[in-house]
N, C-alpha and C. Protein backbone atom coordinates (compact mmCIF):
# COMPACT_ATOMS: atom_id res chain seq x y z
N GLY A 1 92.86 -160.27 126.16
CA GLY A 1 91.97 -159.71 126.93
C GLY A 1 91.74 -160.47 128.19
N ALA A 2 91.07 -159.72 129.22
CA ALA A 2 90.86 -160.37 130.55
C ALA A 2 89.59 -160.90 130.62
N MET A 3 89.16 -161.84 131.38
CA MET A 3 87.74 -162.40 131.60
C MET A 3 87.71 -162.90 132.98
N GLU A 4 86.43 -163.14 133.44
CA GLU A 4 86.21 -163.69 134.67
C GLU A 4 85.67 -165.15 134.59
N GLN A 5 86.16 -165.82 135.52
CA GLN A 5 85.58 -167.20 135.72
C GLN A 5 85.24 -167.42 137.14
N ALA A 6 84.02 -168.07 137.28
CA ALA A 6 83.54 -168.49 138.56
C ALA A 6 84.24 -169.78 139.04
N GLN A 7 84.76 -169.91 140.23
CA GLN A 7 85.39 -170.98 140.73
C GLN A 7 84.76 -171.28 142.06
N ALA A 8 84.45 -172.54 142.24
CA ALA A 8 83.88 -172.99 143.59
C ALA A 8 85.02 -172.82 144.66
N GLN A 9 84.58 -172.38 145.79
CA GLN A 9 85.44 -172.23 146.96
C GLN A 9 85.77 -173.59 147.59
N SER A 10 87.06 -173.88 147.92
CA SER A 10 87.20 -175.11 148.53
C SER A 10 86.98 -175.23 150.11
N SER A 11 86.79 -174.03 150.59
CA SER A 11 86.32 -174.14 152.02
C SER A 11 84.70 -174.28 152.00
N GLY A 12 84.37 -174.99 153.09
CA GLY A 12 82.84 -175.17 153.06
C GLY A 12 81.99 -174.04 153.76
N GLU A 13 82.74 -172.85 153.76
CA GLU A 13 82.00 -171.84 154.52
C GLU A 13 80.89 -171.27 153.71
N SER A 14 81.09 -171.04 152.33
CA SER A 14 80.03 -170.47 151.43
C SER A 14 80.00 -171.16 150.20
N THR A 15 78.76 -171.16 149.73
CA THR A 15 78.44 -172.02 148.52
C THR A 15 78.49 -171.12 147.36
N GLU A 16 78.63 -169.75 147.51
CA GLU A 16 78.65 -168.89 146.44
C GLU A 16 80.05 -168.94 145.73
N PRO A 17 79.99 -168.85 144.28
CA PRO A 17 81.21 -168.98 143.54
C PRO A 17 82.05 -167.83 143.69
N LYS A 18 83.43 -168.01 143.61
CA LYS A 18 84.22 -166.88 143.80
C LYS A 18 84.73 -166.56 142.21
N PHE A 19 84.62 -165.30 141.87
CA PHE A 19 85.10 -164.93 140.60
C PHE A 19 86.47 -164.66 140.48
N VAL A 20 87.24 -165.22 139.44
CA VAL A 20 88.67 -165.08 139.39
C VAL A 20 88.86 -164.31 138.02
N GLN A 21 89.69 -163.29 138.00
CA GLN A 21 89.91 -162.68 136.80
C GLN A 21 91.27 -163.24 136.15
N MET A 22 91.15 -163.67 134.90
CA MET A 22 92.39 -164.13 134.22
C MET A 22 92.32 -163.78 132.80
N THR A 23 93.52 -163.98 132.17
CA THR A 23 93.61 -163.61 130.67
C THR A 23 93.08 -164.85 129.91
N VAL A 24 92.66 -164.60 128.78
CA VAL A 24 92.18 -165.67 127.89
C VAL A 24 93.30 -166.77 127.68
N HIS A 25 94.46 -166.36 127.66
CA HIS A 25 95.64 -167.31 127.43
C HIS A 25 95.70 -168.22 128.69
N ASP A 26 95.66 -167.60 129.83
CA ASP A 26 95.68 -168.47 131.16
C ASP A 26 94.45 -169.38 131.23
N TYR A 27 93.30 -168.82 130.73
CA TYR A 27 92.04 -169.77 131.01
C TYR A 27 92.23 -170.96 129.97
N ASP A 28 92.77 -170.67 128.67
CA ASP A 28 92.83 -171.70 127.78
C ASP A 28 93.93 -172.76 128.20
N LYS A 29 95.06 -172.15 128.89
CA LYS A 29 96.03 -173.12 129.26
C LYS A 29 95.45 -174.06 130.47
N GLU A 30 94.66 -173.46 131.33
CA GLU A 30 94.00 -174.18 132.43
C GLU A 30 93.15 -175.24 131.84
N GLN A 31 92.35 -174.93 130.94
CA GLN A 31 91.41 -175.86 130.18
C GLN A 31 92.24 -177.03 129.52
N LEU A 32 93.24 -176.63 128.90
CA LEU A 32 94.12 -177.77 128.14
C LEU A 32 94.62 -178.72 129.08
N VAL A 33 95.17 -178.12 130.31
CA VAL A 33 95.85 -178.99 131.28
C VAL A 33 94.80 -180.13 131.85
N ALA A 34 93.54 -179.59 132.17
CA ALA A 34 92.50 -180.27 132.69
C ALA A 34 92.11 -181.42 131.62
N TYR A 35 92.00 -180.96 130.25
CA TYR A 35 91.75 -181.99 129.30
C TYR A 35 92.87 -183.04 129.18
N LEU A 36 94.13 -182.66 129.12
CA LEU A 36 95.20 -183.62 129.03
C LEU A 36 95.16 -184.56 130.28
N LYS A 37 94.94 -184.05 131.42
CA LYS A 37 94.82 -184.97 132.65
C LYS A 37 93.73 -186.03 132.36
N GLN A 38 92.56 -185.57 131.92
CA GLN A 38 91.45 -186.35 131.80
C GLN A 38 91.83 -187.47 130.68
N MET A 39 92.61 -187.18 129.71
CA MET A 39 93.07 -188.10 128.56
C MET A 39 93.90 -189.09 129.19
N CYS A 40 94.94 -188.67 129.99
CA CYS A 40 95.94 -189.50 130.50
C CYS A 40 95.38 -190.38 131.58
N ILE A 41 94.58 -189.94 132.42
CA ILE A 41 93.72 -190.81 133.34
C ILE A 41 93.12 -192.02 132.60
N GLY A 42 92.31 -191.65 131.47
CA GLY A 42 91.54 -192.58 130.76
C GLY A 42 92.49 -193.65 130.23
N ALA A 43 93.55 -193.04 129.60
CA ALA A 43 94.54 -193.97 128.96
C ALA A 43 95.28 -194.89 130.03
N ALA A 44 95.48 -194.40 131.11
CA ALA A 44 96.15 -195.31 132.24
C ALA A 44 95.10 -196.38 132.73
N ILE A 45 93.76 -195.97 132.83
CA ILE A 45 92.81 -197.12 133.18
C ILE A 45 92.74 -198.08 132.27
N THR A 46 92.61 -197.63 130.88
CA THR A 46 92.63 -198.62 129.78
C THR A 46 93.69 -199.55 129.56
N CYS A 47 94.98 -198.90 129.85
CA CYS A 47 96.12 -199.83 129.78
C CYS A 47 96.12 -200.87 130.95
N PHE A 48 95.72 -200.36 132.00
CA PHE A 48 95.71 -201.30 133.21
C PHE A 48 94.70 -202.32 133.02
N ILE A 49 93.68 -202.09 132.43
CA ILE A 49 92.51 -203.15 132.10
C ILE A 49 93.07 -204.16 131.18
N HIS A 50 93.80 -203.59 130.12
CA HIS A 50 94.43 -204.46 129.01
C HIS A 50 95.50 -205.35 129.62
N TYR A 51 96.32 -204.63 130.41
CA TYR A 51 97.51 -205.42 131.15
C TYR A 51 96.96 -206.48 131.94
N LYS A 52 96.04 -206.14 132.86
CA LYS A 52 95.58 -207.08 133.91
C LYS A 52 94.80 -208.16 133.58
N TRP A 53 93.81 -207.90 132.53
CA TRP A 53 92.84 -208.92 132.09
C TRP A 53 92.99 -209.21 130.63
N GLY A 54 93.77 -208.47 129.89
CA GLY A 54 94.01 -208.95 128.49
C GLY A 54 92.88 -208.43 127.48
N TYR A 55 92.07 -207.53 127.82
CA TYR A 55 90.98 -207.19 127.17
C TYR A 55 91.49 -206.13 126.08
N PRO A 56 91.42 -206.46 124.69
CA PRO A 56 91.83 -205.40 123.72
C PRO A 56 90.85 -204.39 123.38
N GLN A 57 89.49 -204.69 123.63
CA GLN A 57 88.46 -203.79 123.24
C GLN A 57 88.53 -202.35 123.93
N PRO A 58 88.85 -202.21 125.23
CA PRO A 58 89.10 -200.90 125.66
C PRO A 58 90.30 -200.19 125.02
N LEU A 59 91.28 -200.72 124.52
CA LEU A 59 92.38 -200.06 123.78
C LEU A 59 91.83 -199.53 122.42
N LEU A 60 91.02 -200.37 121.75
CA LEU A 60 90.52 -199.94 120.44
C LEU A 60 89.40 -198.69 120.72
N PHE A 61 88.62 -198.87 121.66
CA PHE A 61 87.66 -197.93 122.01
C PHE A 61 88.29 -196.59 122.34
N GLN A 62 89.35 -196.69 123.09
CA GLN A 62 90.25 -195.46 123.50
C GLN A 62 90.85 -194.75 122.24
N ALA A 63 91.36 -195.75 121.34
CA ALA A 63 92.03 -195.18 119.94
C ALA A 63 91.02 -194.61 119.21
N VAL A 64 89.83 -194.86 119.20
CA VAL A 64 88.89 -194.27 118.34
C VAL A 64 88.17 -193.02 118.97
N MET A 65 87.84 -193.23 120.23
CA MET A 65 87.13 -192.07 120.89
C MET A 65 87.82 -190.95 121.29
N ASN A 66 89.20 -191.04 121.57
CA ASN A 66 89.93 -189.89 121.94
C ASN A 66 90.15 -188.87 120.84
N PRO A 67 90.44 -189.37 119.60
CA PRO A 67 90.57 -188.42 118.58
C PRO A 67 89.15 -187.74 118.15
N MET A 68 88.05 -188.51 118.28
CA MET A 68 86.85 -187.94 118.13
C MET A 68 86.41 -186.93 119.14
N GLY A 69 86.79 -187.24 120.53
CA GLY A 69 86.39 -186.29 121.54
C GLY A 69 87.28 -185.11 121.43
N LEU A 70 88.41 -185.21 120.80
CA LEU A 70 89.41 -183.93 120.72
C LEU A 70 88.60 -183.01 119.83
N PHE A 71 87.93 -183.25 118.78
CA PHE A 71 87.24 -182.24 118.01
C PHE A 71 85.95 -181.77 118.68
N ASP A 72 85.55 -182.33 119.83
CA ASP A 72 84.42 -181.84 120.50
C ASP A 72 84.91 -180.80 121.47
N ASN A 73 86.16 -180.73 121.71
CA ASN A 73 86.78 -179.91 122.75
C ASN A 73 86.73 -178.44 122.16
N PRO A 74 86.17 -177.41 122.94
CA PRO A 74 86.23 -176.06 122.43
C PRO A 74 87.61 -175.47 122.06
N LEU A 75 88.60 -175.90 122.84
CA LEU A 75 90.04 -175.30 122.39
C LEU A 75 90.31 -175.97 121.06
N ALA A 76 90.19 -177.16 120.76
CA ALA A 76 90.41 -177.75 119.52
C ALA A 76 89.66 -177.01 118.33
N LYS A 77 88.42 -176.73 118.63
CA LYS A 77 87.64 -176.02 117.63
C LYS A 77 88.31 -174.65 117.34
N ILE A 78 88.70 -173.93 118.34
CA ILE A 78 89.25 -172.63 118.03
C ILE A 78 90.66 -172.64 117.56
N TYR A 79 91.52 -173.47 117.99
CA TYR A 79 92.87 -173.44 117.58
C TYR A 79 93.21 -174.31 116.39
N LEU A 80 92.55 -175.40 116.18
CA LEU A 80 92.92 -176.36 115.28
C LEU A 80 91.93 -176.14 114.11
N LEU A 81 90.68 -175.88 114.32
CA LEU A 81 89.71 -175.72 113.08
C LEU A 81 89.48 -174.36 112.82
N GLY A 82 90.03 -173.31 113.63
CA GLY A 82 90.02 -171.89 113.26
C GLY A 82 88.67 -171.23 113.51
N ARG A 83 87.74 -171.81 114.30
CA ARG A 83 86.45 -171.24 114.59
C ARG A 83 86.59 -170.15 115.55
N THR A 84 85.65 -169.19 115.69
CA THR A 84 85.68 -168.05 116.58
C THR A 84 84.38 -168.12 117.47
N GLU A 85 84.56 -167.27 118.41
CA GLU A 85 83.31 -167.12 119.25
C GLU A 85 82.19 -166.50 118.49
N GLU A 86 82.58 -165.75 117.52
CA GLU A 86 81.44 -165.05 116.67
C GLU A 86 80.71 -166.13 115.83
N THR A 87 81.41 -167.21 115.47
CA THR A 87 80.86 -168.15 114.52
C THR A 87 79.97 -169.25 115.31
N ASP A 88 80.40 -169.49 116.62
CA ASP A 88 79.95 -170.54 117.39
C ASP A 88 79.68 -170.03 118.80
N ALA A 89 78.49 -170.08 119.17
CA ALA A 89 78.31 -169.41 120.66
C ALA A 89 78.81 -170.39 121.59
N LYS A 90 78.91 -171.53 121.40
CA LYS A 90 79.40 -172.48 122.45
C LYS A 90 80.99 -172.21 122.75
N LEU A 91 81.70 -171.51 121.98
CA LEU A 91 83.08 -171.22 122.05
C LEU A 91 83.39 -169.91 122.89
N GLN A 92 82.27 -169.34 123.41
CA GLN A 92 82.55 -168.18 124.27
C GLN A 92 82.98 -168.67 125.59
N ARG A 93 84.03 -167.86 126.07
CA ARG A 93 84.65 -168.23 127.25
C ARG A 93 83.97 -167.47 128.43
N PRO A 94 83.84 -168.00 129.62
CA PRO A 94 84.25 -169.34 130.06
C PRO A 94 83.43 -170.32 129.44
N PHE A 95 83.87 -171.49 128.94
CA PHE A 95 83.13 -172.55 128.39
C PHE A 95 82.16 -173.14 129.43
N LYS A 96 80.97 -173.35 128.94
CA LYS A 96 79.99 -174.14 129.73
C LYS A 96 80.33 -175.38 130.12
N ALA A 97 80.28 -175.87 131.34
CA ALA A 97 80.63 -177.20 131.74
C ALA A 97 79.50 -178.14 131.10
N GLU A 98 80.18 -179.23 130.39
CA GLU A 98 79.17 -180.17 129.92
C GLU A 98 78.89 -181.10 131.06
N GLN A 99 77.92 -182.08 130.75
CA GLN A 99 77.45 -183.12 131.75
C GLN A 99 78.59 -183.94 131.97
N SER A 100 79.07 -183.91 133.09
CA SER A 100 80.43 -184.61 133.38
C SER A 100 80.14 -186.12 133.83
N ASN A 101 78.85 -186.28 134.16
CA ASN A 101 78.46 -187.79 134.50
C ASN A 101 77.28 -188.18 133.70
N PRO A 102 77.63 -188.83 132.57
CA PRO A 102 76.57 -189.34 131.65
C PRO A 102 75.62 -190.28 132.42
N LEU A 103 76.11 -190.98 133.29
CA LEU A 103 74.92 -191.94 134.01
C LEU A 103 74.06 -191.12 134.79
N LYS A 104 74.46 -190.06 135.31
CA LYS A 104 73.44 -189.19 136.16
C LYS A 104 72.48 -188.72 135.17
N ALA A 105 72.93 -188.27 133.90
CA ALA A 105 71.95 -187.70 132.97
C ALA A 105 70.98 -188.84 132.50
N MET A 106 71.54 -190.02 132.37
CA MET A 106 70.61 -191.11 131.98
C MET A 106 69.50 -191.50 133.01
N LEU A 107 70.02 -191.34 134.32
CA LEU A 107 69.13 -191.69 135.42
C LEU A 107 67.99 -190.62 135.63
N GLU A 108 68.40 -189.30 135.23
CA GLU A 108 67.56 -188.17 135.50
C GLU A 108 66.41 -188.25 134.39
N ASN A 109 66.78 -188.50 133.23
CA ASN A 109 65.80 -188.45 132.07
C ASN A 109 64.66 -189.45 132.19
N PRO A 110 64.81 -190.75 132.61
CA PRO A 110 63.77 -191.61 132.82
C PRO A 110 62.77 -191.19 133.84
N GLU A 111 63.21 -190.54 134.95
CA GLU A 111 62.26 -190.09 135.86
C GLU A 111 61.50 -188.97 135.39
N GLN A 112 61.95 -188.07 134.43
CA GLN A 112 61.09 -187.06 133.86
C GLN A 112 60.23 -187.76 132.85
N LYS A 113 60.56 -188.67 132.21
CA LYS A 113 59.59 -189.40 131.33
C LYS A 113 58.52 -190.09 132.08
N GLU A 114 58.77 -190.72 133.16
CA GLU A 114 57.84 -191.33 134.11
C GLU A 114 56.88 -190.32 134.54
N GLU A 115 57.32 -189.19 134.97
CA GLU A 115 56.38 -188.20 135.40
C GLU A 115 55.44 -187.63 134.27
N THR A 116 56.01 -187.55 133.14
CA THR A 116 55.08 -187.08 132.00
C THR A 116 54.07 -188.12 131.61
N GLY A 117 54.62 -189.49 131.78
CA GLY A 117 53.69 -190.47 131.53
C GLY A 117 52.65 -190.59 132.55
N LYS A 118 53.00 -190.40 133.80
CA LYS A 118 51.90 -190.38 134.88
C LYS A 118 51.02 -189.28 134.62
N ALA A 119 51.51 -188.10 134.31
CA ALA A 119 50.65 -186.86 133.97
C ALA A 119 49.66 -187.19 132.94
N LYS A 120 50.18 -187.93 131.91
CA LYS A 120 49.22 -188.24 130.73
C LYS A 120 48.17 -189.20 131.21
N LYS A 121 48.56 -190.00 131.95
CA LYS A 121 47.50 -191.13 132.50
C LYS A 121 46.37 -190.33 133.32
N ALA A 122 46.92 -189.53 134.23
CA ALA A 122 46.07 -188.74 135.14
C ALA A 122 45.16 -187.95 134.19
N LYS A 123 45.51 -187.28 133.18
CA LYS A 123 44.83 -186.50 132.39
C LYS A 123 43.82 -187.23 131.50
N ALA A 124 44.18 -188.40 131.14
CA ALA A 124 43.24 -189.38 130.34
C ALA A 124 42.10 -189.80 131.17
N LYS A 125 42.54 -190.10 132.58
CA LYS A 125 41.46 -190.48 133.47
C LYS A 125 40.53 -189.35 133.73
N ALA A 126 41.09 -188.21 133.96
CA ALA A 126 40.18 -187.00 134.22
C ALA A 126 39.34 -186.80 133.04
N ALA A 127 39.77 -186.90 131.78
CA ALA A 127 38.80 -186.76 130.55
C ALA A 127 37.82 -187.79 130.51
N LYS A 128 38.27 -189.11 130.90
CA LYS A 128 37.17 -190.14 130.87
C LYS A 128 36.10 -189.87 131.97
N LYS A 129 36.42 -189.34 133.07
CA LYS A 129 35.43 -189.02 134.11
C LYS A 129 34.39 -187.90 133.51
N GLU A 130 34.97 -187.01 132.91
CA GLU A 130 34.17 -185.87 132.43
C GLU A 130 33.08 -186.27 131.38
N ASN A 131 33.53 -187.30 130.57
CA ASN A 131 32.64 -187.75 129.46
C ASN A 131 31.68 -188.71 130.10
């Protein structure tokens, strides 16, 4: 079947996404290549750290986390575990982009917590003034 995928335009003229129609096979192939590139870059960085400074911990971490991360990948869930879009809504194509920068997510969440904490303090002060 055919599907549409929004892609960001490389030119700085417009910020609207451009929709590209492709087959499910082509989309899956594109996603697989992107995942393999990510894994190879991570492995190369880990090997460099081990070779340059002799740290074995990143190698162990990489050896444990890569197989675990594989089963979080939507393509692995579809092709290796036999799940379908009907059984898991997260497997509907195009796949939703996960938070690519976990540090950004960690930095955004404390700000939200601070705001809620400040709001609670302001409400508590207002309640004390009313009493």
